[in-house]
């Protein structure tokens, strides 16, 4: 990943998009399971509202 960021033009935004997508997908899975357990419906707004910058940082460290 670091090589892509250094050598590819536009690599840093690509890395940020990848990390954001991974984080959003993981949070979506967790929220879907919780909603299913409580018998509620789930929307993208619920997932995005609970997304924090520290979650993105944690996912970035896990990805690299």
N, C-alpha and C. Protein backbone atom coordinates (compact mmCIF):
# COMPACT_ATOMS: atom_id res chain seq x y z
N UNK A 1 0.81 -1.19 0.00
CA UNK A 1 0.00 0.00 0.00
C UNK A 1 0.86 1.26 0.00
N UNK A 2 1.91 1.27 0.77
CA UNK A 2 2.76 2.45 0.85
C UNK A 2 3.41 2.73 -0.50
N UNK A 3 3.74 1.70 -1.24
CA UNK A 3 4.35 1.87 -2.56
C UNK A 3 3.36 2.55 -3.51
N UNK A 4 2.10 2.16 -3.44
CA UNK A 4 1.07 2.75 -4.28
C UNK A 4 0.93 4.24 -3.98
N UNK A 5 0.95 4.59 -2.71
CA UNK A 5 0.80 5.99 -2.31
C UNK A 5 1.98 6.82 -2.79
N UNK A 6 3.18 6.28 -2.72
CA UNK A 6 4.37 7.03 -3.09
C UNK A 6 4.53 7.15 -4.60
N UNK A 7 4.35 6.08 -5.34
CA UNK A 7 4.68 6.05 -6.74
C UNK A 7 3.52 6.35 -7.70
N UNK A 8 2.32 6.20 -7.27
CA UNK A 8 1.18 6.40 -8.17
C UNK A 8 0.58 7.79 -7.95
N UNK A 9 0.43 8.58 -8.99
CA UNK A 9 -0.23 9.87 -8.82
C UNK A 9 -1.68 9.66 -8.39
N UNK A 10 -2.09 10.34 -7.36
CA UNK A 10 -3.44 10.16 -6.84
C UNK A 10 -3.55 8.94 -5.95
N UNK A 11 -2.45 8.41 -5.51
CA UNK A 11 -2.46 7.21 -4.68
C UNK A 11 -3.01 7.44 -3.29
N UNK A 12 -2.76 8.63 -2.74
CA UNK A 12 -3.25 8.91 -1.39
C UNK A 12 -4.77 8.96 -1.32
N UNK A 13 -5.45 9.67 -2.25
CA UNK A 13 -6.92 9.62 -2.23
C UNK A 13 -7.46 8.21 -2.47
N UNK A 14 -6.77 7.46 -3.28
CA UNK A 14 -7.17 6.07 -3.52
C UNK A 14 -7.08 5.26 -2.24
N UNK A 15 -6.00 5.45 -1.49
CA UNK A 15 -5.84 4.76 -0.21
C UNK A 15 -6.93 5.18 0.78
N UNK A 16 -7.23 6.45 0.85
CA UNK A 16 -8.29 6.93 1.75
C UNK A 16 -9.64 6.34 1.37
N UNK A 17 -9.93 6.26 0.09
CA UNK A 17 -11.20 5.68 -0.36
C UNK A 17 -11.27 4.20 -0.01
N UNK A 18 -10.16 3.50 -0.17
CA UNK A 18 -10.11 2.07 0.17
C UNK A 18 -10.37 1.85 1.66
N UNK A 19 -9.72 2.65 2.49
CA UNK A 19 -9.89 2.52 3.94
C UNK A 19 -11.31 2.87 4.35
N UNK A 20 -11.86 3.93 3.78
CA UNK A 20 -13.23 4.31 4.10
C UNK A 20 -14.22 3.23 3.68
N UNK A 21 -14.01 2.62 2.54
CA UNK A 21 -14.91 1.56 2.06
C UNK A 21 -14.82 0.33 2.96
N UNK A 22 -13.61 -0.04 3.35
CA UNK A 22 -13.45 -1.18 4.26
C UNK A 22 -14.14 -0.94 5.60
N UNK A 23 -13.95 0.26 6.13
CA UNK A 23 -14.55 0.60 7.42
C UNK A 23 -16.06 0.62 7.32
N UNK A 24 -16.58 1.23 6.28
CA UNK A 24 -18.03 1.31 6.11
C UNK A 24 -18.63 -0.08 5.95
N UNK A 25 -17.97 -0.95 5.19
CA UNK A 25 -18.47 -2.31 5.01
C UNK A 25 -18.48 -3.09 6.33
N UNK A 26 -17.43 -2.94 7.12
CA UNK A 26 -17.36 -3.63 8.41
C UNK A 26 -18.44 -3.12 9.35
N UNK A 27 -18.63 -1.80 9.40
CA UNK A 27 -19.65 -1.22 10.28
C UNK A 27 -21.05 -1.60 9.81
N UNK A 28 -21.24 -1.71 8.50
CA UNK A 28 -22.53 -2.11 7.96
C UNK A 28 -22.88 -3.53 8.42
N UNK A 29 -21.90 -4.42 8.37
CA UNK A 29 -22.14 -5.80 8.83
C UNK A 29 -22.52 -5.84 10.30
N UNK A 30 -21.77 -5.10 11.13
CA UNK A 30 -22.06 -5.07 12.57
C UNK A 30 -23.44 -4.49 12.84
N UNK A 31 -23.77 -3.41 12.18
CA UNK A 31 -25.08 -2.77 12.39
C UNK A 31 -26.21 -3.65 11.90
N UNK A 32 -25.98 -4.36 10.80
CA UNK A 32 -27.02 -5.26 10.28
C UNK A 32 -27.30 -6.40 11.26
N UNK A 33 -26.25 -6.94 11.86
CA UNK A 33 -26.44 -8.00 12.86
C UNK A 33 -27.18 -7.48 14.09
N UNK A 34 -26.80 -6.29 14.55
CA UNK A 34 -27.46 -5.71 15.71
C UNK A 34 -28.92 -5.39 15.41
N UNK A 35 -29.20 -4.87 14.24
CA UNK A 35 -30.58 -4.54 13.87
C UNK A 35 -31.41 -5.81 13.75
N UNK A 36 -30.82 -6.84 13.20
CA UNK A 36 -31.52 -8.11 13.07
C UNK A 36 -31.84 -8.71 14.44
N UNK A 37 -30.90 -8.58 15.38
CA UNK A 37 -31.12 -9.12 16.72
C UNK A 37 -32.21 -8.36 17.47
N UNK A 38 -32.34 -7.06 17.20
CA UNK A 38 -33.35 -6.24 17.88
C UNK A 38 -34.63 -6.09 17.08
N UNK A 39 -34.68 -6.66 15.89
CA UNK A 39 -35.88 -6.60 15.07
C UNK A 39 -36.15 -5.22 14.49
N UNK A 40 -35.12 -4.47 14.20
CA UNK A 40 -35.26 -3.12 13.64
C UNK A 40 -34.83 -3.12 12.18
N UNK A 41 -35.19 -2.03 11.50
CA UNK A 41 -34.69 -1.86 10.13
C UNK A 41 -33.40 -1.05 10.19
N UNK A 42 -32.63 -1.10 9.12
CA UNK A 42 -31.33 -0.46 9.09
C UNK A 42 -31.24 0.44 7.88
N UNK A 43 -30.64 1.60 8.07
CA UNK A 43 -30.42 2.51 6.94
C UNK A 43 -28.95 2.90 6.89
N UNK A 44 -28.52 3.38 5.75
CA UNK A 44 -27.14 3.82 5.59
C UNK A 44 -26.85 4.99 6.52
N UNK A 45 -27.85 5.81 6.74
CA UNK A 45 -27.69 6.97 7.63
C UNK A 45 -27.32 6.52 9.05
N UNK A 46 -27.92 5.45 9.52
CA UNK A 46 -27.59 4.93 10.85
C UNK A 46 -26.13 4.51 10.95
N UNK A 47 -25.65 3.88 9.90
CA UNK A 47 -24.27 3.39 9.89
C UNK A 47 -23.29 4.56 9.81
N UNK A 48 -23.54 5.49 8.91
CA UNK A 48 -22.63 6.62 8.72
C UNK A 48 -22.64 7.53 9.94
N UNK A 49 -23.78 7.67 10.60
CA UNK A 49 -23.88 8.52 11.79
C UNK A 49 -23.01 8.00 12.93
N UNK A 50 -22.78 6.72 12.98
CA UNK A 50 -21.98 6.12 14.06
C UNK A 50 -20.53 5.90 13.68
N UNK A 51 -20.12 6.36 12.51
CA UNK A 51 -18.76 6.20 12.04
C UNK A 51 -17.90 7.35 12.58
N UNK A 52 -16.78 7.02 13.17
CA UNK A 52 -15.90 8.03 13.77
C UNK A 52 -14.53 7.98 13.10
N UNK A 53 -13.81 9.08 13.19
CA UNK A 53 -12.49 9.16 12.60
C UNK A 53 -11.55 8.13 13.20
N UNK A 54 -11.69 7.86 14.49
CA UNK A 54 -10.81 6.87 15.12
C UNK A 54 -11.03 5.48 14.53
N UNK A 55 -12.25 5.20 14.06
CA UNK A 55 -12.51 3.92 13.39
C UNK A 55 -11.75 3.83 12.07
N UNK A 56 -11.69 4.95 11.35
CA UNK A 56 -10.93 4.98 10.10
C UNK A 56 -9.44 4.77 10.35
N UNK A 57 -8.93 5.40 11.40
CA UNK A 57 -7.51 5.25 11.75
C UNK A 57 -7.21 3.80 12.13
N UNK A 58 -8.07 3.21 12.92
CA UNK A 58 -7.88 1.81 13.35
C UNK A 58 -7.90 0.88 12.14
N UNK A 59 -8.81 1.12 11.20
CA UNK A 59 -8.88 0.31 10.00
C UNK A 59 -7.66 0.51 9.11
N UNK A 60 -7.16 1.73 9.05
CA UNK A 60 -5.95 2.00 8.26
C UNK A 60 -4.75 1.24 8.81
N UNK A 61 -4.63 1.23 10.11
CA UNK A 61 -3.52 0.47 10.73
C UNK A 61 -3.66 -1.01 10.47
N UNK A 62 -4.88 -1.52 10.47
CA UNK A 62 -5.10 -2.95 10.22
C UNK A 62 -4.82 -3.29 8.75
N UNK A 63 -5.12 -2.35 7.84
CA UNK A 63 -4.92 -2.60 6.42
C UNK A 63 -3.43 -2.58 6.06
N UNK A 64 -2.67 -1.78 6.75
CA UNK A 64 -1.25 -1.67 6.42
C UNK A 64 -0.50 -2.57 7.31
